[in-house]
Amino acid sequence: QVQLVESGGGLVQAGGSLRLSCAASGRTFGTDSMGWFRQAPGKERDFVAHITWSGVNTYYADSVKGRFTISRDNAKNTVYLQMNSLKPEDTAVYYCALKRNYNSNYIPKMAYEYNYWGQGTQVTVSS
């Protein structure tokens, strides 16, 4: 089992920045990968970013590319999402997720592809 705990959400003005953290505990492996998703009220849970275990390979949704950066510190079992130039449309609950047995031939962008989820952290961007 794996437990994921997000933190770092909050209220910020448009153009501001936040850094989300996701601390993992339990049995994690070098074949795991991590993703960030977000869900606005009344909408589906959308893919935001993905990172491999090594941290070398990252991938972003077009809507956040150039503004968000995903990274990880395996010594701390923590994944980060640095969010800059925030917009009101970035307002959502942000979730981190872990995928077992990641296959490097594709990017898992669907929520059902991930095996473990955190409880989410609210990000609100005011205009």
N, C-alpha and C. Protein backbone atom coordinates (compact mmCIF):
# COMPACT_ATOMS: atom_id res chain seq x y z
N GLN A 1 0.83 -1.19 0.00
CA GLN A 1 0.00 0.00 0.00
C GLN A 1 0.87 1.25 0.00
N VAL A 2 0.30 2.31 -0.54
CA VAL A 2 0.98 3.60 -0.61
C VAL A 2 0.03 4.67 -0.10
N GLN A 3 0.56 5.59 0.67
CA GLN A 3 -0.22 6.74 1.11
C GLN A 3 0.41 8.00 0.51
N LEU A 4 -0.44 8.85 -0.02
CA LEU A 4 0.00 10.10 -0.63
C LEU A 4 -0.69 11.26 0.08
N VAL A 5 0.10 12.26 0.46
CA VAL A 5 -0.45 13.41 1.17
C VAL A 5 0.02 14.69 0.47
N GLU A 6 -0.95 15.44 -0.06
CA GLU A 6 -0.63 16.70 -0.71
C GLU A 6 -0.65 17.85 0.30
N SER A 7 0.10 18.89 -0.02
CA SER A 7 0.08 20.12 0.77
C SER A 7 0.52 21.26 -0.11
N GLY A 8 0.32 22.48 0.38
CA GLY A 8 0.81 23.65 -0.34
C GLY A 8 -0.25 24.45 -1.08
N GLY A 9 -1.48 23.98 -1.09
CA GLY A 9 -2.53 24.73 -1.75
C GLY A 9 -2.87 26.00 -0.98
N GLY A 10 -3.70 26.83 -1.60
CA GLY A 10 -4.12 28.05 -0.94
C GLY A 10 -4.74 29.02 -1.91
N LEU A 11 -4.89 30.25 -1.45
CA LEU A 11 -5.48 31.33 -2.24
C LEU A 11 -4.36 32.25 -2.73
N VAL A 12 -4.34 32.54 -4.02
CA VAL A 12 -3.31 33.40 -4.59
C VAL A 12 -3.94 34.26 -5.67
N GLN A 13 -3.37 35.43 -5.88
CA GLN A 13 -3.85 36.31 -6.94
C GLN A 13 -3.33 35.84 -8.30
N ALA A 14 -4.05 36.19 -9.33
CA ALA A 14 -3.61 35.87 -10.69
C ALA A 14 -2.21 36.42 -10.91
N GLY A 15 -1.38 35.61 -11.55
CA GLY A 15 0.01 35.96 -11.77
C GLY A 15 0.95 35.48 -10.69
N GLY A 16 0.39 35.02 -9.60
CA GLY A 16 1.21 34.55 -8.48
C GLY A 16 1.67 33.12 -8.65
N SER A 17 2.31 32.61 -7.60
CA SER A 17 2.90 31.27 -7.64
C SER A 17 2.54 30.48 -6.39
N LEU A 18 2.51 29.18 -6.55
CA LEU A 18 2.36 28.25 -5.44
C LEU A 18 3.21 27.02 -5.74
N ARG A 19 3.67 26.35 -4.69
CA ARG A 19 4.34 25.06 -4.86
C ARG A 19 3.60 24.01 -4.06
N LEU A 20 3.12 23.02 -4.77
CA LEU A 20 2.45 21.88 -4.13
C LEU A 20 3.46 20.78 -3.86
N SER A 21 3.24 20.07 -2.77
CA SER A 21 4.08 18.92 -2.42
C SER A 21 3.20 17.69 -2.28
N CYS A 22 3.76 16.55 -2.57
CA CYS A 22 3.08 15.27 -2.42
C CYS A 22 4.06 14.31 -1.76
N ALA A 23 3.81 13.99 -0.51
CA ALA A 23 4.68 13.08 0.23
C ALA A 23 4.13 11.66 0.15
N ALA A 24 4.98 10.74 -0.27
CA ALA A 24 4.58 9.34 -0.40
C ALA A 24 5.17 8.51 0.73
N SER A 25 4.36 7.59 1.24
CA SER A 25 4.86 6.63 2.22
C SER A 25 4.33 5.26 1.87
N GLY A 26 5.00 4.23 2.37
CA GLY A 26 4.61 2.88 2.03
C GLY A 26 5.56 2.28 1.00
N ARG A 27 5.08 1.25 0.30
CA ARG A 27 5.93 0.52 -0.63
C ARG A 27 5.93 1.20 -2.00
N THR A 28 7.04 1.85 -2.30
CA THR A 28 7.23 2.44 -3.63
C THR A 28 8.40 1.78 -4.31
N PHE A 29 8.38 1.78 -5.65
CA PHE A 29 9.36 1.06 -6.43
C PHE A 29 9.90 1.93 -7.55
N GLY A 30 11.03 1.51 -8.08
CA GLY A 30 11.65 2.24 -9.17
C GLY A 30 10.86 2.18 -10.46
N THR A 31 9.86 1.33 -10.53
CA THR A 31 9.00 1.27 -11.72
C THR A 31 7.75 2.11 -11.57
N ASP A 32 7.62 2.82 -10.46
CA ASP A 32 6.48 3.71 -10.27
C ASP A 32 6.72 5.03 -10.99
N SER A 33 5.65 5.70 -11.35
CA SER A 33 5.74 7.08 -11.82
C SER A 33 4.65 7.87 -11.11
N MET A 34 4.74 9.18 -11.19
CA MET A 34 3.82 10.04 -10.45
C MET A 34 3.16 11.05 -11.38
N GLY A 35 1.95 11.41 -11.06
CA GLY A 35 1.24 12.41 -11.83
C GLY A 35 0.52 13.40 -10.94
N TRP A 36 0.25 14.57 -11.49
CA TRP A 36 -0.63 15.55 -10.86
C TRP A 36 -1.87 15.71 -11.75
N PHE A 37 -3.02 15.75 -11.10
CA PHE A 37 -4.30 16.00 -11.77
C PHE A 37 -4.99 17.16 -11.04
N ARG A 38 -6.02 17.68 -11.67
CA ARG A 38 -6.83 18.70 -11.01
C ARG A 38 -8.28 18.53 -11.41
N GLN A 39 -9.14 18.97 -10.49
CA GLN A 39 -10.58 18.85 -10.72
C GLN A 39 -11.28 20.10 -10.24
N ALA A 40 -11.89 20.80 -11.19
CA ALA A 40 -12.69 21.98 -10.87
C ALA A 40 -14.12 21.53 -10.58
N PRO A 41 -14.89 22.35 -9.87
CA PRO A 41 -16.27 21.96 -9.55
C PRO A 41 -17.08 21.66 -10.80
N GLY A 42 -17.75 20.52 -10.79
CA GLY A 42 -18.60 20.14 -11.90
C GLY A 42 -17.87 19.62 -13.12
N LYS A 43 -16.56 19.46 -13.00
CA LYS A 43 -15.79 19.00 -14.16
C LYS A 43 -15.06 17.69 -13.82
N GLU A 44 -14.54 17.07 -14.87
CA GLU A 44 -13.81 15.83 -14.69
C GLU A 44 -12.41 16.11 -14.15
N ARG A 45 -11.78 15.06 -13.65
CA ARG A 45 -10.42 15.17 -13.16
C ARG A 45 -9.47 15.16 -14.36
N ASP A 46 -8.73 16.22 -14.52
CA ASP A 46 -7.88 16.40 -15.69
C ASP A 46 -6.41 16.22 -15.37
N PHE A 47 -5.70 15.67 -16.32
CA PHE A 47 -4.26 15.48 -16.22
C PHE A 47 -3.55 16.83 -16.25
N VAL A 48 -2.52 16.96 -15.42
CA VAL A 48 -1.72 18.18 -15.38
C VAL A 48 -0.27 17.90 -15.77
N ALA A 49 0.35 16.93 -15.09
CA ALA A 49 1.77 16.67 -15.33
C ALA A 49 2.13 15.26 -14.89
N HIS A 50 3.24 14.75 -15.44
CA HIS A 50 3.71 13.40 -15.14
C HIS A 50 5.23 13.42 -15.02
N ILE A 51 5.75 12.56 -14.15
CA ILE A 51 7.20 12.46 -13.98
C ILE A 51 7.56 11.01 -13.73
N THR A 52 8.65 10.58 -14.33
CA THR A 52 9.13 9.23 -14.12
C THR A 52 9.85 9.11 -12.78
N TRP A 53 10.15 7.88 -12.38
CA TRP A 53 10.82 7.65 -11.09
C TRP A 53 12.16 8.38 -11.02
N SER A 54 12.89 8.35 -12.10
CA SER A 54 14.20 8.99 -12.12
C SER A 54 14.12 10.51 -12.08
N GLY A 55 12.95 11.03 -12.50
CA GLY A 55 12.80 12.48 -12.58
C GLY A 55 13.33 13.08 -13.87
N VAL A 56 13.90 12.23 -14.71
CA VAL A 56 14.50 12.74 -15.95
C VAL A 56 13.44 13.15 -16.96
N ASN A 57 12.40 12.35 -17.06
CA ASN A 57 11.36 12.59 -18.07
C ASN A 57 10.10 13.18 -17.44
N THR A 58 9.67 14.30 -18.00
CA THR A 58 8.45 14.96 -17.55
C THR A 58 7.55 15.25 -18.74
N TYR A 59 6.28 15.44 -18.44
CA TYR A 59 5.30 15.72 -19.49
C TYR A 59 4.20 16.57 -18.90
N TYR A 60 3.69 17.52 -19.71
CA TYR A 60 2.71 18.47 -19.22
C TYR A 60 1.51 18.57 -20.14
N ALA A 61 0.38 18.87 -19.54
CA ALA A 61 -0.79 19.25 -20.34
C ALA A 61 -0.49 20.57 -21.02
N ASP A 62 -1.06 20.77 -22.19
CA ASP A 62 -0.81 22.00 -22.93
C ASP A 62 -1.21 23.24 -22.13
N SER A 63 -2.24 23.10 -21.32
CA SER A 63 -2.76 24.25 -20.59
C SER A 63 -1.80 24.78 -19.52
N VAL A 64 -0.82 23.97 -19.12
CA VAL A 64 0.10 24.40 -18.06
C VAL A 64 1.54 24.45 -18.54
N LYS A 65 1.78 24.00 -19.74
CA LYS A 65 3.15 23.95 -20.26
C LYS A 65 3.79 25.34 -20.24
N GLY A 66 5.00 25.42 -19.72
CA GLY A 66 5.70 26.69 -19.63
C GLY A 66 5.41 27.46 -18.36
N ARG A 67 4.39 27.04 -17.61
CA ARG A 67 4.04 27.73 -16.35
C ARG A 67 4.26 26.83 -15.14
N PHE A 68 4.02 25.53 -15.29
CA PHE A 68 4.14 24.57 -14.20
C PHE A 68 5.38 23.71 -14.40
N THR A 69 5.98 23.30 -13.29
CA THR A 69 7.12 22.40 -13.34
C THR A 69 6.94 21.29 -12.31
N ILE A 70 7.02 20.05 -12.77
CA ILE A 70 6.96 18.90 -11.87
C ILE A 70 8.37 18.42 -11.60
N SER A 71 8.62 18.05 -10.36
CA SER A 71 9.94 17.54 -9.98
C SER A 71 9.76 16.56 -8.83
N ARG A 72 10.85 15.86 -8.48
CA ARG A 72 10.74 14.92 -7.37
C ARG A 72 12.07 14.83 -6.63
N ASP A 73 11.96 14.50 -5.36
CA ASP A 73 13.13 14.24 -4.52
C ASP A 73 12.93 12.85 -3.93
N ASN A 74 13.57 11.86 -4.51
CA ASN A 74 13.35 10.49 -4.07
C ASN A 74 13.90 10.23 -2.68
N ALA A 75 14.89 10.99 -2.27
CA ALA A 75 15.41 10.84 -0.91
C ALA A 75 14.35 11.20 0.12
N LYS A 76 13.45 12.10 -0.27
CA LYS A 76 12.36 12.51 0.61
C LYS A 76 11.03 11.88 0.23
N ASN A 77 11.05 11.06 -0.81
CA ASN A 77 9.80 10.45 -1.30
C ASN A 77 8.73 11.51 -1.56
N THR A 78 9.13 12.58 -2.17
CA THR A 78 8.23 13.71 -2.38
C THR A 78 8.28 14.19 -3.82
N VAL A 79 7.11 14.49 -4.35
CA VAL A 79 6.96 15.07 -5.69
C VAL A 79 6.40 16.49 -5.52
N TYR A 80 6.87 17.39 -6.37
CA TYR A 80 6.48 18.79 -6.27
C TYR A 80 5.81 19.24 -7.57
N LEU A 81 4.98 20.26 -7.44
CA LEU A 81 4.42 20.94 -8.61
C LEU A 81 4.57 22.43 -8.37
N GLN A 82 5.55 23.02 -9.05
CA GLN A 82 5.74 24.46 -8.97
C GLN A 82 4.82 25.13 -9.99
N MET A 83 3.97 26.00 -9.52
CA MET A 83 2.98 26.64 -10.39
C MET A 83 3.23 28.14 -10.42
N ASN A 84 3.59 28.64 -11.58
CA ASN A 84 3.85 30.06 -11.77
C ASN A 84 2.83 30.67 -12.72
N SER A 85 2.77 31.99 -12.72
CA SER A 85 1.84 32.71 -13.61
C SER A 85 0.44 32.13 -13.54
N LEU A 86 -0.03 31.95 -12.34
CA LEU A 86 -1.33 31.31 -12.15
C LEU A 86 -2.46 32.15 -12.71
N LYS A 87 -3.47 31.46 -13.22
CA LYS A 87 -4.65 32.09 -13.81
C LYS A 87 -5.89 31.64 -13.05
N PRO A 88 -6.95 32.41 -13.10
CA PRO A 88 -8.20 31.99 -12.43
C PRO A 88 -8.67 30.60 -12.90
N GLU A 89 -8.42 30.27 -14.14
CA GLU A 89 -8.86 28.96 -14.65
C GLU A 89 -8.02 27.80 -14.10
N ASP A 90 -6.96 28.10 -13.36
CA ASP A 90 -6.20 27.06 -12.68
C ASP A 90 -6.85 26.65 -11.35
N THR A 91 -7.89 27.37 -10.95
CA THR A 91 -8.58 27.05 -9.71
C THR A 91 -9.17 25.65 -9.76
N ALA A 92 -8.81 24.83 -8.77
CA ALA A 92 -9.26 23.43 -8.73
C ALA A 92 -8.71 22.78 -7.47
N VAL A 93 -9.19 21.58 -7.22
CA VAL A 93 -8.54 20.70 -6.24
C VAL A 93 -7.46 19.94 -6.99
N TYR A 94 -6.26 19.97 -6.48
CA TYR A 94 -5.13 19.30 -7.12
C TYR A 94 -4.81 18.00 -6.38
N TYR A 95 -4.65 16.94 -7.17
CA TYR A 95 -4.38 15.62 -6.63
C TYR A 95 -3.06 15.08 -7.19
N CYS A 96 -2.30 14.42 -6.33
CA CYS A 96 -1.18 13.65 -6.85
C CYS A 96 -1.58 12.18 -6.89
N ALA A 97 -0.93 11.45 -7.76
CA ALA A 97 -1.27 10.05 -7.95
C ALA A 97 -0.03 9.25 -8.33
N LEU A 98 -0.05 7.99 -7.97
CA LEU A 98 1.08 7.10 -8.26
C LEU A 98 0.62 5.98 -9.18
N LYS A 99 1.43 5.73 -10.18
CA LYS A 99 1.14 4.64 -11.12
C LYS A 99 2.19 3.55 -10.96
N ARG A 100 1.72 2.34 -10.74
CA ARG A 100 2.61 1.18 -10.68
C ARG A 100 3.03 0.76 -12.08
N ASN A 101 4.24 0.17 -12.16
CA ASN A 101 4.68 -0.47 -13.40
C ASN A 101 4.54 0.45 -14.60
N TYR A 102 5.10 1.63 -14.48
CA TYR A 102 5.05 2.59 -15.58
C TYR A 102 5.76 2.03 -16.81
N ASN A 103 5.13 2.21 -17.96
CA ASN A 103 5.67 1.79 -19.27
C ASN A 103 6.16 3.03 -19.98
N SER A 104 7.43 3.08 -20.29
CA SER A 104 8.02 4.29 -20.86
C SER A 104 7.57 4.57 -22.28
N ASN A 105 6.79 3.69 -22.88
CA ASN A 105 6.34 3.89 -24.25
C ASN A 105 5.17 4.86 -24.38
N TYR A 106 4.59 5.28 -23.25
CA TYR A 106 3.48 6.22 -23.36
C TYR A 106 3.37 7.01 -22.06
N ILE A 107 2.57 8.07 -22.11
CA ILE A 107 2.33 8.90 -20.95
C ILE A 107 0.93 8.60 -20.42
N PRO A 108 0.83 8.17 -19.18
CA PRO A 108 -0.51 7.90 -18.61
C PRO A 108 -1.21 9.20 -18.24
N LYS A 109 -2.23 9.55 -19.00
CA LYS A 109 -2.93 10.82 -18.81
C LYS A 109 -4.36 10.66 -18.32
N MET A 110 -4.77 9.43 -18.09
CA MET A 110 -6.13 9.18 -17.62
C MET A 110 -6.10 8.78 -16.16
N ALA A 111 -7.07 9.29 -15.41
CA ALA A 111 -7.09 9.04 -13.97
C ALA A 111 -7.15 7.55 -13.65
N TYR A 112 -7.88 6.78 -14.44
CA TYR A 112 -8.05 5.36 -14.12
C TYR A 112 -6.74 4.58 -14.26
N GLU A 113 -5.74 5.16 -14.86
CA GLU A 113 -4.46 4.47 -15.04
C GLU A 113 -3.59 4.50 -13.78
N TYR A 114 -3.97 5.29 -12.81
CA TYR A 114 -3.18 5.44 -11.60
C TYR A 114 -3.75 4.58 -10.47
N ASN A 115 -2.87 4.12 -9.63
CA ASN A 115 -3.24 3.13 -8.63
C ASN A 115 -3.53 3.73 -7.24
N TYR A 116 -2.88 4.82 -6.91
CA TYR A 116 -3.04 5.43 -5.59
C TYR A 116 -3.21 6.94 -5.74
N TRP A 117 -4.01 7.51 -4.85
CA TRP A 117 -4.34 8.94 -4.90
C TRP A 117 -4.21 9.57 -3.53
N GLY A 118 -3.84 10.86 -3.54
CA GLY A 118 -3.90 11.65 -2.34
C GLY A 118 -5.30 12.20 -2.14
N GLN A 119 -5.47 12.96 -1.07
CA GLN A 119 -6.79 13.48 -0.71
C GLN A 119 -7.09 14.80 -1.42
N GLY A 120 -6.08 15.41 -2.00
CA GLY A 120 -6.26 16.65 -2.74
C GLY A 120 -5.98 17.88 -1.90
N THR A 121 -5.60 18.95 -2.59
CA THR A 121 -5.37 20.24 -1.95
C THR A 121 -5.97 21.32 -2.83
N GLN A 122 -6.70 22.25 -2.21
CA GLN A 122 -7.42 23.28 -2.95
C GLN A 122 -6.48 24.41 -3.38
N VAL A 123 -6.57 24.77 -4.64
CA VAL A 123 -5.87 25.94 -5.17
C VAL A 123 -6.92 26.89 -5.72
N THR A 124 -6.91 28.11 -5.23
CA THR A 124 -7.86 29.12 -5.68
C THR A 124 -7.08 30.33 -6.18
N VAL A 125 -7.33 30.73 -7.42
CA VAL A 125 -6.65 31.87 -8.02
C VAL A 125 -7.68 32.96 -8.25
N SER A 126 -7.48 34.09 -7.61
CA SER A 126 -8.43 35.20 -7.75
C SER A 126 -7.98 36.14 -8.86
N SER A 127 -8.97 36.73 -9.52
CA SER A 127 -8.66 37.63 -10.65
C SER A 127 -8.42 39.05 -10.18
